[in-house]
Amino acid sequence: MVRIALFSIALLIGAGSISAQPFGYTPLQVQSLFSEDYRNEQYEQALIYGRWLIDAHPKEMEDYPGNYRGERNFRRMIDIYEYMAQQQSDPALREAYIDSSLQMYDRIFALFNEDEIDLYRWYFNRGRFLQEHSELVDGGYQQALEDYETIFRMNPERATQSGNGYYVRLLVQNYSRQNDRDAVFSIINEAEPYADEQLLDFFSQTRNELITDPEERIELLTEDLEEDPENVELMMEIYDLYQAVGDREKAGEMAVRMYEADPTPENIMRLADIAENDGNYQEANQYLSEAHDNLEGRERAEASLRIADNHLNLRNLQQARQYAQRAAREDPSWGEPHITIAQIYGQAVSRCAGSEMTRIDKAVYWLVLDYLDEAVERNGGTSSTVNRLYRTYEPVAPNAEEKFYQSWNTGETIRINGSLKECYSWIDEETTIR
């Protein structure tokens, strides 16, 4: 498919035979026209002249004033083909233009040597090009990594410092995923003399990760922590390892140590997670409340809703509603708080009615259904949960006979408060009879 598209492109741009007097112009005039069209972003016209130039004068041009730089024309042609690719809606044509850019790179490497061009820069540029367009090139990302490794072998210092170590990180991560420890350590050992502090930390972390036995890694990292007792990143790694080996007590101790060293929302929330998992909902709410004020947006609302859920687990229904309502205010586009309020009211019915469910108790379920409807209106992603809860609550709402005996008419409003039962006085909300 790509070859067919390339052939089509060649026809469209009017490829011709190489001649000494192309288009009725001298080679110098063609070069001038190409440069002018390129600068003015007249890429379709520039492409016609450029194709002739890289075929007829890839490296040299007689009578050119000054130093002729044939590789610059290849660079410009790569840019043009890339631009043309971006304009295409047909995936096959996009692939074809990207393939044409890659052919320019292939010709550069075939024609020029290290004395004529900066080979390092050209391999680096091709690697970035392949990485950027990897979805259009078979094995594009892996080819990009091969180019990055080429430049690393050519000049370890330059490659390590390029992009603040980004490209060396990619190589190390790639070999780490393959569990090729020899390749990882080879790159790390060669790059370490030129690495900054952040990259050195990454190398240290990678070495630790490649030690597969958790107990050995805990021992190794604990020794590192003794030398750097305020290193929260080390604490985090040790915490994860304790979690992996199932030592919840040690993991909890390390979580507390992280919190004491750096009480960030993340470290506070971790303690809340531990407390919740242990069923210590009051303790969890203390941590969640501490973290809440330092959070924003959805995360802030999630903290409020978690407090509500914990109060619900403690059967503190009024407090649960208070925090669920706060979560709804903090993120009006989020439907989950309304589901929680519905469940709070559902639990209120169970508590008030006990084993003797009356028609009055069932009226509260209309309010429950109201909140479930509101959840879907605010966030359609809640529909699955809402549908499941609807199947629980809708069948137990008052039926036609029960509404008749209570003189309840569909469409009228009813207030859920102490006028129904004293235990509903705290709810104090209106609902519509269904």
Protein backbone atom coordinates (compact mmCIF):
# COMPACT_ATOMS: atom_id res chain seq x y z
CA MET A 1 0.00 0.00 0.00
CA VAL A 2 2.79 2.42 0.90
CA ARG A 3 4.65 1.70 -2.35
CA ILE A 4 1.50 2.40 -4.36
CA ALA A 5 1.03 5.67 -2.49
CA LEU A 6 4.64 6.63 -3.12
CA PHE A 7 4.21 5.97 -6.83
CA SER A 8 1.11 8.17 -6.78
CA ILE A 9 3.04 10.94 -5.05
CA ALA A 10 5.78 10.73 -7.66
CA LEU A 11 3.20 11.19 -10.43
CA LEU A 12 1.55 14.09 -8.65
CA ILE A 13 4.75 16.06 -8.15
CA GLY A 14 5.87 15.52 -11.72
CA ALA A 15 9.14 13.69 -11.40
CA GLY A 16 11.31 14.14 -14.48
CA SER A 17 14.62 12.94 -15.78
CA ILE A 18 17.78 14.60 -14.56
CA SER A 19 19.10 17.17 -16.99
CA ALA A 20 21.73 19.86 -16.94
CA GLN A 21 19.13 22.52 -17.77
CA PRO A 22 16.09 21.56 -15.68
CA PHE A 23 12.81 23.42 -16.12
CA GLY A 24 14.61 25.85 -18.42
CA TYR A 25 16.75 27.11 -15.51
CA THR A 26 20.39 26.71 -14.59
CA PRO A 27 21.18 24.60 -11.52
CA LEU A 28 21.99 27.79 -9.58
CA GLN A 29 18.60 29.20 -10.47
CA VAL A 30 16.88 25.99 -9.42
CA GLN A 31 18.70 26.16 -6.09
CA SER A 32 17.59 29.74 -5.64
CA LEU A 33 13.97 28.92 -6.51
CA PHE A 34 14.00 25.94 -4.17
CA SER A 35 15.37 28.01 -1.29
CA GLU A 36 12.90 30.80 -1.89
CA ASP A 37 9.88 28.47 -2.11
CA TYR A 38 11.03 26.65 1.02
CA ARG A 39 11.40 29.88 2.99
CA ASN A 40 7.96 31.03 1.79
CA GLU A 41 6.46 27.64 2.69
CA GLN A 42 5.46 26.98 -0.91
CA TYR A 43 6.23 23.35 -0.27
CA GLU A 44 4.54 21.68 -3.21
CA GLN A 45 6.53 23.77 -5.70
CA ALA A 46 9.69 23.48 -3.61
CA LEU A 47 9.32 19.70 -3.68
CA ILE A 48 9.64 19.64 -7.47
CA TYR A 49 12.90 21.60 -7.44
CA GLY A 50 14.23 19.81 -4.38
CA ARG A 51 13.84 16.35 -5.89
CA TRP A 52 15.91 17.40 -8.86
CA LEU A 53 18.60 19.00 -6.68
CA ILE A 54 19.15 15.98 -4.43
CA ASP A 55 19.38 13.74 -7.51
CA ALA A 56 21.55 15.96 -9.69
CA HIS A 57 23.64 17.71 -7.02
CA PRO A 58 23.48 15.75 -3.79
CA LYS A 59 26.89 16.94 -2.60
CA GLU A 60 28.38 19.46 -5.03
CA MET A 61 27.34 22.14 -7.50
CA GLU A 62 29.78 23.79 -9.88
CA ASP A 63 29.99 27.57 -9.92
CA TYR A 64 28.00 27.80 -6.69
CA PRO A 65 29.06 30.98 -4.88
CA GLY A 66 30.50 30.11 -1.51
CA ASN A 67 30.37 26.71 0.11
CA TYR A 68 27.59 24.51 -1.33
CA ARG A 69 25.90 22.50 1.41
CA GLY A 70 24.09 19.64 -0.24
CA GLU A 71 23.04 18.11 3.09
CA ARG A 72 20.94 21.21 3.79
CA ASN A 73 18.76 20.37 0.80
CA PHE A 74 18.17 16.90 2.25
CA ARG A 75 17.21 18.47 5.58
CA ARG A 76 14.74 20.75 3.82
CA MET A 77 13.29 17.88 1.81
CA ILE A 78 12.73 15.95 5.04
CA ASP A 79 10.86 18.95 6.43
CA ILE A 80 8.78 19.25 3.26
CA TYR A 81 7.79 15.58 3.20
CA GLU A 82 6.94 15.76 6.89
CA TYR A 83 4.78 18.82 6.30
CA MET A 84 3.04 17.13 3.37
CA ALA A 85 2.34 14.10 5.57
CA GLN A 86 0.64 16.28 8.14
CA GLN A 87 -1.73 17.64 5.49
CA GLN A 88 -3.01 14.21 4.44
CA SER A 89 -6.23 12.65 5.72
CA ASP A 90 -5.47 9.32 4.03
CA PRO A 91 -3.30 7.22 6.40
CA ALA A 92 -1.60 5.54 3.43
CA LEU A 93 -0.51 8.89 2.03
CA ARG A 94 0.74 10.03 5.43
CA GLU A 95 2.81 6.86 5.67
CA ALA A 96 4.11 7.41 2.14
CA TYR A 97 5.34 10.94 2.83
CA ILE A 98 6.92 9.87 6.12
CA ASP A 99 8.61 7.02 4.26
CA SER A 100 9.94 9.57 1.75
CA SER A 101 11.50 11.54 4.63
CA LEU A 102 13.16 8.39 5.90
CA GLN A 103 14.55 7.71 2.42
CA MET A 104 16.26 11.11 2.62
CA TYR A 105 17.96 10.00 5.83
CA ASP A 106 19.05 6.75 4.16
CA ARG A 107 20.61 8.65 1.25
CA ILE A 108 22.42 11.03 3.61
CA PHE A 109 24.06 8.14 5.43
CA ALA A 110 24.96 6.49 2.10
CA LEU A 111 26.42 9.65 0.51
CA PHE A 112 28.14 11.57 3.29
CA ASN A 113 30.85 10.62 5.76
CA GLU A 114 31.74 11.95 9.19
CA ASP A 115 34.14 14.53 7.71
CA GLU A 116 31.36 16.06 5.63
CA ILE A 117 28.44 16.17 8.06
CA ASP A 118 27.76 15.85 11.76
CA LEU A 119 26.75 12.19 11.72
CA TYR A 120 25.85 12.34 15.39
CA ARG A 121 23.31 15.09 14.74
CA TRP A 122 21.80 13.28 11.75
CA TYR A 123 21.33 10.01 13.66
CA PHE A 124 19.91 11.97 16.56
CA ASN A 125 17.46 13.80 14.28
CA ARG A 126 16.35 10.56 12.63
CA GLY A 127 15.78 8.99 16.03
CA ARG A 128 13.55 11.86 17.08
CA PHE A 129 11.74 11.74 13.73
CA LEU A 130 11.08 8.01 14.13
CA GLN A 131 9.94 8.44 17.71
CA GLU A 132 7.57 11.27 16.78
CA HIS A 133 6.05 9.32 13.86
CA SER A 134 6.33 5.82 15.29
CA GLU A 135 2.64 5.13 14.66
CA LEU A 136 3.26 5.51 10.90
CA VAL A 137 6.43 3.41 10.71
CA ASP A 138 6.60 -0.32 11.33
CA GLY A 139 8.84 -0.78 14.35
CA GLY A 140 9.40 2.98 14.39
CA TYR A 141 9.93 3.32 18.12
CA GLN A 142 12.44 0.49 18.23
CA GLN A 143 14.30 1.98 15.28
CA ALA A 144 14.42 5.29 17.15
CA LEU A 145 16.02 3.55 20.12
CA GLU A 146 18.60 2.01 17.79
CA ASP A 147 19.54 5.48 16.55
CA TYR A 148 19.77 6.76 20.13
CA GLU A 149 22.07 3.89 21.00
CA THR A 150 24.16 4.67 17.90
CA ILE A 151 24.76 8.23 19.05
CA PHE A 152 25.47 7.01 22.57
CA ARG A 153 28.21 4.71 21.28
CA MET A 154 29.54 7.52 19.07
CA ASN A 155 29.76 10.05 21.92
CA PRO A 156 28.62 8.89 25.39
CA GLU A 157 29.17 12.30 26.98
CA ARG A 158 27.18 14.22 24.39
CA ALA A 159 24.37 11.66 24.36
CA THR A 160 24.16 11.48 28.15
CA GLN A 161 23.88 15.23 28.54
CA SER A 162 21.43 15.63 25.65
CA GLY A 163 17.90 16.32 26.81
CA ASN A 164 19.01 16.20 30.46
CA GLY A 165 19.57 12.46 30.12
CA TYR A 166 16.21 11.76 28.45
CA TYR A 167 17.61 9.63 25.63
CA VAL A 168 19.86 7.56 27.88
CA ARG A 169 16.85 6.97 30.11
CA LEU A 170 14.93 5.60 27.14
CA LEU A 171 17.73 3.15 26.37
CA VAL A 172 18.01 2.00 29.98
CA GLN A 173 14.24 1.62 30.31
CA ASN A 174 14.06 -0.35 27.07
CA TYR A 175 16.70 -2.86 28.15
CA SER A 176 15.18 -2.98 31.65
CA ARG A 177 11.84 -4.01 30.16
CA GLN A 178 13.68 -6.78 28.33
CA ASN A 179 15.42 -7.70 31.61
CA ASP A 180 18.76 -7.40 29.79
CA ARG A 181 20.83 -6.54 32.85
CA ASP A 182 24.15 -6.67 31.00
CA ALA A 183 23.02 -4.05 28.47
CA VAL A 184 21.55 -1.86 31.21
CA PHE A 185 24.67 -1.92 33.34
CA SER A 186 26.88 -1.35 30.29
CA ILE A 187 25.04 1.87 29.44
CA ILE A 188 24.86 3.01 33.06
CA ASN A 189 28.56 2.42 33.69
CA GLU A 190 29.52 4.34 30.55
CA ALA A 191 27.10 7.22 31.17
CA GLU A 192 27.63 7.73 34.91
CA PRO A 193 30.70 10.02 34.62
CA TYR A 194 28.61 12.49 32.58
CA ALA A 195 25.26 12.18 34.42
CA ASP A 196 23.67 14.88 36.57
CA GLU A 197 22.20 14.19 39.99
CA GLN A 198 18.73 13.31 38.74
CA LEU A 199 20.08 10.86 36.19
CA LEU A 200 22.34 9.29 38.80
CA ASP A 201 19.28 8.77 41.00
CA PHE A 202 17.53 7.12 38.08
CA PHE A 203 20.51 4.81 37.52
CA SER A 204 20.52 3.90 41.22
CA GLN A 205 16.81 3.17 41.12
CA THR A 206 17.19 1.03 38.00
CA ARG A 207 19.97 -1.02 39.57
CA ASN A 208 17.78 -1.64 42.59
CA GLU A 209 14.84 -2.67 40.44
CA LEU A 210 16.95 -5.22 38.58
CA ILE A 211 17.75 -6.97 41.83
CA THR A 212 14.83 -9.37 41.65
CA ASP A 213 14.80 -10.80 45.17
CA PRO A 214 12.68 -8.48 47.36
CA GLU A 215 14.44 -9.37 50.58
CA GLU A 216 17.84 -8.55 49.05
CA ARG A 217 16.49 -5.25 47.75
CA ILE A 218 15.05 -4.33 51.14
CA GLU A 219 18.41 -5.00 52.74
CA LEU A 220 20.22 -2.97 50.08
CA LEU A 221 17.84 0.00 50.24
CA THR A 222 17.74 -0.01 54.04
CA GLU A 223 21.52 0.41 54.04
CA ASP A 224 21.13 3.31 51.59
CA LEU A 225 18.48 4.88 53.84
CA GLU A 226 20.79 4.71 56.85
CA GLU A 227 23.24 6.86 54.89
CA ASP A 228 20.49 9.23 53.74
CA PRO A 229 17.78 9.05 56.44
CA GLU A 230 15.62 11.85 54.99
CA ASN A 231 15.44 10.34 51.52
CA VAL A 232 11.68 9.94 50.98
CA GLU A 233 12.17 8.27 47.60
CA LEU A 234 14.13 5.47 49.25
CA MET A 235 11.43 5.16 51.88
CA MET A 236 8.85 4.82 49.14
CA GLU A 237 10.79 2.02 47.48
CA ILE A 238 11.18 0.18 50.76
CA TYR A 239 7.49 0.68 51.48
CA ASP A 240 6.57 -0.87 48.14
CA LEU A 241 8.86 -3.82 48.83
CA TYR A 242 7.32 -4.44 52.24
CA GLN A 243 3.93 -4.37 50.54
CA ALA A 244 5.17 -6.86 47.96
CA VAL A 245 6.40 -9.35 50.58
CA GLY A 246 3.23 -8.93 52.63
CA ASP A 247 4.84 -7.30 55.68
CA ARG A 248 2.02 -4.84 56.40
CA GLU A 249 3.41 -3.85 59.78
CA LYS A 250 6.78 -2.77 58.39
CA ALA A 251 5.05 -1.10 55.44
CA GLY A 252 2.89 0.89 57.86
CA GLU A 253 5.94 1.98 59.85
CA MET A 254 7.62 3.17 56.67
CA ALA A 255 4.46 5.05 55.62
CA VAL A 256 4.49 6.88 58.96
CA ARG A 257 8.17 7.69 58.49
CA MET A 258 7.46 9.15 55.03
CA TYR A 259 4.64 11.26 56.48
CA GLU A 260 6.85 12.56 59.28
CA ALA A 261 9.66 13.40 56.88
CA ASP A 262 7.44 15.01 54.24
CA PRO A 263 3.72 15.48 55.04
CA THR A 264 2.61 15.92 51.44
CA PRO A 265 -0.99 15.11 50.46
CA GLU A 266 0.28 11.91 48.85
CA ASN A 267 1.99 10.73 52.02
CA ILE A 268 -1.02 11.71 54.13
CA MET A 269 -3.41 9.89 51.80
CA ARG A 270 -1.27 6.77 52.01
CA LEU A 271 -1.85 6.69 55.77
CA ALA A 272 -5.56 7.17 55.13
CA ASP A 273 -5.49 4.16 52.79
CA ILE A 274 -3.80 2.02 55.43
CA ALA A 275 -6.27 3.09 58.10
CA GLU A 276 -9.25 2.35 55.84
CA ASN A 277 -7.89 -1.08 54.93
CA ASP A 278 -7.59 -1.82 58.64
CA GLY A 279 -11.15 -0.62 59.27
CA ASN A 280 -9.96 2.39 61.28
CA TYR A 281 -12.38 4.81 59.63
CA GLN A 282 -12.12 7.58 62.23
CA GLU A 283 -8.35 7.60 61.95
CA ALA A 284 -8.63 7.56 58.15
CA ASN A 285 -10.90 10.61 58.28
CA GLN A 286 -8.37 12.51 60.37
CA TYR A 287 -5.76 12.00 57.65
CA LEU A 288 -8.22 12.76 54.85
CA SER A 289 -9.24 16.00 56.55
CA GLU A 290 -5.59 16.99 56.90
CA ALA A 291 -4.94 16.36 53.21
CA HIS A 292 -8.19 17.92 51.98
CA ASP A 293 -7.20 21.58 52.19
CA ASN A 294 -4.04 20.98 50.17
CA LEU A 295 -5.87 19.28 47.31
CA GLU A 296 -7.65 20.82 44.33
CA GLY A 297 -10.39 19.93 41.88
CA ARG A 298 -11.48 16.32 41.63
CA GLU A 299 -8.85 15.17 44.16
CA ARG A 300 -10.30 17.53 46.75
CA ALA A 301 -13.81 16.24 46.05
CA GLU A 302 -12.60 12.64 46.24
CA ALA A 303 -11.16 13.28 49.71
CA SER A 304 -14.50 14.66 50.85
CA LEU A 305 -16.37 11.68 49.41
CA ARG A 306 -14.00 9.23 51.08
CA ILE A 307 -14.75 10.92 54.41
CA ALA A 308 -18.44 10.52 53.61
CA ASP A 309 -17.99 6.82 52.81
CA ASN A 310 -16.11 6.28 56.05
CA HIS A 311 -18.88 7.94 58.04
CA LEU A 312 -21.34 5.73 56.20
CA ASN A 313 -19.33 2.68 57.27
CA LEU A 314 -19.53 4.02 60.83
CA ARG A 315 -23.30 4.53 60.34
CA ASN A 316 -22.92 8.26 60.99
CA LEU A 317 -25.51 9.12 58.35
CA GLN A 318 -25.83 12.86 58.92
CA GLN A 319 -22.07 13.38 58.83
CA ALA A 320 -21.84 11.15 55.76
CA ARG A 321 -24.38 13.32 53.94
CA GLN A 322 -22.58 16.51 55.01
CA TYR A 323 -19.32 15.42 53.37
CA ALA A 324 -21.01 13.92 50.30
CA GLN A 325 -22.76 17.26 49.75
CA ARG A 326 -19.41 19.00 50.12
CA ALA A 327 -17.91 16.71 47.48
CA ALA A 328 -20.79 17.52 45.13
CA ARG A 329 -20.16 21.27 45.58
CA GLU A 330 -16.43 20.87 45.04
CA ASP A 331 -16.92 19.09 41.71
CA PRO A 332 -20.39 19.76 40.24
CA SER A 333 -19.65 17.61 37.17
CA TRP A 334 -19.08 14.49 39.28
CA GLY A 335 -21.99 12.11 39.79
CA GLU A 336 -20.53 9.85 42.49
CA PRO A 337 -21.41 12.09 45.47
CA HIS A 338 -25.10 11.89 44.49
CA ILE A 339 -24.91 8.10 44.40
CA THR A 340 -23.45 8.17 47.91
CA ILE A 341 -26.28 10.43 49.15
CA ALA A 342 -28.78 8.02 47.62
CA GLN A 343 -27.15 5.15 49.51
CA ILE A 344 -27.14 7.19 52.73
CA TYR A 345 -30.88 7.72 52.44
CA GLY A 346 -31.36 4.05 51.58
CA GLN A 347 -29.55 3.14 54.78
CA ALA A 348 -31.68 5.68 56.67
CA VAL A 349 -34.79 3.77 55.60
CA SER A 350 -33.35 0.48 56.82
CA ARG A 351 -32.47 2.02 60.16
CA CYS A 352 -35.79 3.79 60.70
CA ALA A 353 -38.05 1.02 59.42
CA GLY A 354 -36.25 -1.87 61.03
CA SER A 355 -38.15 -5.08 60.37
CA GLU A 356 -41.49 -3.29 59.78
CA MET A 357 -41.34 -1.42 56.48
CA THR A 358 -44.36 0.89 56.10
CA ARG A 359 -45.71 2.92 53.20
CA ILE A 360 -44.30 6.03 54.83
CA ASP A 361 -40.81 4.50 54.95
CA LYS A 362 -41.04 3.54 51.30
CA ALA A 363 -41.66 7.17 50.32
CA VAL A 364 -38.02 7.92 51.09
CA TYR A 365 -37.05 5.73 48.14
CA TRP A 366 -38.46 8.37 45.77
CA LEU A 367 -35.79 10.71 47.14
CA VAL A 368 -33.20 7.96 46.68
CA LEU A 369 -34.23 7.65 43.01
CA ASP A 370 -34.05 11.45 42.62
CA TYR A 371 -30.38 11.41 43.62
CA LEU A 372 -29.63 8.49 41.32
CA ASP A 373 -31.17 10.43 38.43
CA GLU A 374 -29.11 13.47 39.38
CA ALA A 375 -25.92 11.39 39.33
CA VAL A 376 -26.50 10.35 35.72
CA GLU A 377 -27.38 13.91 34.68
CA ARG A 378 -24.10 15.18 36.07
CA ASN A 379 -21.97 12.32 34.80
CA GLY A 380 -23.19 9.74 32.28
CA GLY A 381 -20.32 7.47 33.29
CA THR A 382 -22.25 6.56 36.44
CA SER A 383 -25.13 4.97 34.48
CA SER A 384 -24.00 1.39 35.08
CA THR A 385 -23.91 1.83 38.86
CA VAL A 386 -27.15 3.80 38.83
CA ASN A 387 -28.95 1.13 36.81
CA ARG A 388 -27.84 -1.52 39.30
CA LEU A 389 -29.07 0.54 42.26
CA TYR A 390 -32.31 1.36 40.44
CA ARG A 391 -33.04 -2.36 40.29
CA THR A 392 -32.66 -2.43 44.08
CA TYR A 393 -34.67 0.66 45.06
CA GLU A 394 -37.34 1.19 42.39
CA PRO A 395 -39.28 -2.06 43.10
CA VAL A 396 -39.64 -1.18 46.81
CA ALA A 397 -40.90 2.38 46.24
CA PRO A 398 -44.65 2.84 46.97
CA ASN A 399 -46.88 1.14 44.40
CA ALA A 400 -50.26 2.41 43.13
CA GLU A 401 -52.22 0.79 45.96
CA GLU A 402 -49.95 2.19 48.64
CA LYS A 403 -50.16 5.67 47.11
CA PHE A 404 -53.97 5.40 47.08
CA TYR A 405 -54.18 4.58 50.78
CA GLN A 406 -51.88 7.51 51.59
CA SER A 407 -53.74 9.88 49.22
CA TRP A 408 -50.49 10.47 47.35
CA ASN A 409 -50.94 11.64 43.76
CA THR A 410 -48.29 11.25 41.08
CA GLY A 411 -46.53 14.53 40.34
CA GLU A 412 -47.21 16.11 43.70
CA THR A 413 -44.38 16.90 46.08
CA ILE A 414 -43.84 15.43 49.51
CA ARG A 415 -41.32 16.48 52.13
CA ILE A 416 -39.19 13.82 53.76
CA ASN A 417 -38.87 15.08 57.32
CA GLY A 418 -40.18 14.58 60.86
CA SER A 419 -43.78 14.86 59.63
CA LEU A 420 -43.38 11.34 58.28
CA LYS A 421 -41.33 9.93 61.12
CA GLU A 422 -39.10 11.62 63.67
CA CYS A 423 -36.10 9.59 62.49
CA TYR A 424 -36.35 11.32 59.07
CA SER A 425 -36.33 14.86 60.48
CA TRP A 426 -32.64 15.36 59.64
CA ILE A 427 -33.24 14.64 55.95
CA ASP A 428 -35.72 17.49 55.39
CA GLU A 429 -35.84 17.37 51.57
CA GLU A 430 -38.65 17.42 49.05
CA THR A 431 -39.27 14.74 46.46
CA THR A 432 -41.82 14.19 43.73
CA ILE A 433 -44.36 11.37 43.99
CA ARG A 434 -43.72 8.97 41.13
